Amino acid sequence: RIHKLTQLFLEYTNGYGMRPLRVLAAAGTVFALFTIIFAIHFGSVGFLLSSGGFFTFGADTNLLSTVGFGYRILYFFEAFLGVTNMSLFIVVLTNYWSLSQ
């Protein structure tokens, strides 16, 4: 059962390493989810905070000092997902280009 769920996850998020647009779609979904979470609490500045987390440039991280530990964990988790998604995108795109030649 877990093996089947893993296969479904890999198929829908990156097409087994052959669908770079699926990786971008997954990254966009993650970014949108965290943007909504941060925008609910911080308003329009939540978009900038989420961008800083996902793309790891740290915009408006001073806002995290005004909230509880849970939002800091969410920010860290978003940064981790951002780095891994962008790395996966590069790997899948390279795989796609190298096999299509």
Protein backbone atom coordinates (compact mmCIF):
# COMPACT_ATOMS: atom_id res chain seq x y z
CA ARG A 1 0.00 0.00 0.00
CA ILE A 2 2.77 2.48 0.88
CA HIS A 3 4.64 1.50 -2.29
CA LYS A 4 1.56 2.28 -4.37
CA LEU A 5 1.13 5.67 -2.66
CA THR A 6 4.79 6.46 -3.32
CA GLN A 7 4.36 5.58 -6.98
CA LEU A 8 1.30 7.82 -7.26
CA PHE A 9 3.12 10.67 -5.54
CA LEU A 10 6.10 10.37 -7.91
CA GLU A 11 3.86 10.14 -10.95
CA TYR A 12 1.78 13.21 -10.08
CA THR A 13 4.59 15.43 -8.81
CA ASN A 14 7.29 14.82 -11.41
CA GLY A 15 6.19 12.13 -13.86
CA TYR A 16 8.92 9.76 -12.70
CA GLY A 17 11.59 12.33 -13.50
CA MET A 18 10.33 13.14 -16.99
CA ARG A 19 7.81 15.95 -16.45
CA PRO A 20 9.45 19.23 -15.38
CA LEU A 21 6.16 21.14 -15.60
CA ARG A 22 4.65 18.86 -12.97
CA VAL A 23 7.47 19.81 -10.62
CA LEU A 24 6.72 23.49 -11.24
CA ALA A 25 3.02 22.85 -10.62
CA ALA A 26 3.84 21.14 -7.32
CA ALA A 27 6.13 24.02 -6.37
CA GLY A 28 3.41 26.52 -7.23
CA THR A 29 0.93 24.62 -5.10
CA VAL A 30 3.28 24.59 -2.12
CA PHE A 31 4.03 28.29 -2.56
CA ALA A 32 0.33 29.17 -2.86
CA LEU A 33 -0.56 27.17 0.23
CA PHE A 34 2.05 28.87 2.40
CA THR A 35 1.23 32.29 0.93
CA ILE A 36 -2.40 31.83 1.97
CA ILE A 37 -1.36 30.76 5.47
CA PHE A 38 0.96 33.74 5.93
CA ALA A 39 -1.44 36.20 4.27
CA ILE A 40 -4.22 35.20 6.66
CA HIS A 41 -2.05 36.22 9.59
CA PHE A 42 0.09 39.05 8.14
CA GLY A 43 -2.10 40.45 5.37
CA SER A 44 -0.52 41.42 2.05
CA VAL A 45 2.96 41.26 3.56
CA GLY A 46 2.40 37.51 3.88
CA PHE A 47 3.13 37.17 0.16
CA LEU A 48 6.58 38.70 0.59
CA LEU A 49 7.26 36.63 3.69
CA SER A 50 6.26 33.46 1.85
CA SER A 51 8.41 34.41 -1.14
CA GLY A 52 11.36 34.95 1.18
CA GLY A 53 10.81 31.54 2.67
CA PHE A 54 10.22 29.57 -0.52
CA PHE A 55 13.07 31.15 -2.49
CA THR A 56 15.25 31.51 0.65
CA PHE A 57 16.12 35.18 0.31
CA GLY A 58 14.64 35.96 3.71
CA ALA A 59 12.37 38.93 2.99
CA ASP A 60 10.55 40.32 6.05
CA THR A 61 11.78 37.64 8.43
CA ASN A 62 11.60 40.24 11.19
CA LEU A 63 7.85 39.54 11.22
CA LEU A 64 8.53 36.06 12.57
CA SER A 65 9.73 37.55 15.86
CA THR A 66 6.21 38.85 16.47
CA VAL A 67 4.48 35.47 16.18
CA GLY A 68 4.60 32.12 17.88
CA PHE A 69 6.92 29.21 17.31
CA GLY A 70 4.47 27.51 14.95
CA TYR A 71 4.86 30.17 12.26
CA ARG A 72 8.65 29.89 12.49
CA ILE A 73 8.37 26.14 11.93
CA LEU A 74 6.08 26.75 8.94
CA TYR A 75 8.58 29.24 7.52
CA PHE A 76 11.43 26.78 7.94
CA PHE A 77 9.37 24.00 6.36
CA GLU A 78 8.48 26.22 3.41
CA ALA A 79 12.16 27.08 2.90
CA PHE A 80 13.02 23.37 2.93
CA LEU A 81 10.27 22.57 0.42
CA GLY A 82 11.34 25.48 -1.76
CA VAL A 83 14.95 24.33 -1.94
CA THR A 84 14.00 20.72 -2.59
CA ASN A 85 11.40 21.62 -5.23
CA MET A 86 13.78 23.88 -7.14
CA SER A 87 16.54 21.27 -6.94
CA LEU A 88 14.15 18.59 -8.16
CA PHE A 89 13.08 20.85 -11.01
CA ILE A 90 16.68 21.25 -12.18
CA VAL A 91 17.29 17.50 -12.00
CA VAL A 92 14.08 16.61 -13.84
CA LEU A 93 14.63 19.30 -16.47
CA THR A 94 18.19 18.07 -17.07
CA ASN A 95 16.92 14.49 -17.28
CA TYR A 96 14.22 15.53 -19.74
CA TRP A 97 16.66 17.44 -21.96
CA SER A 98 19.31 14.73 -21.93
CA LEU A 99 16.87 11.93 -22.82
CA SER A 100 15.04 13.91 -25.51
CA GLN A 101 18.20 14.37 -27.60
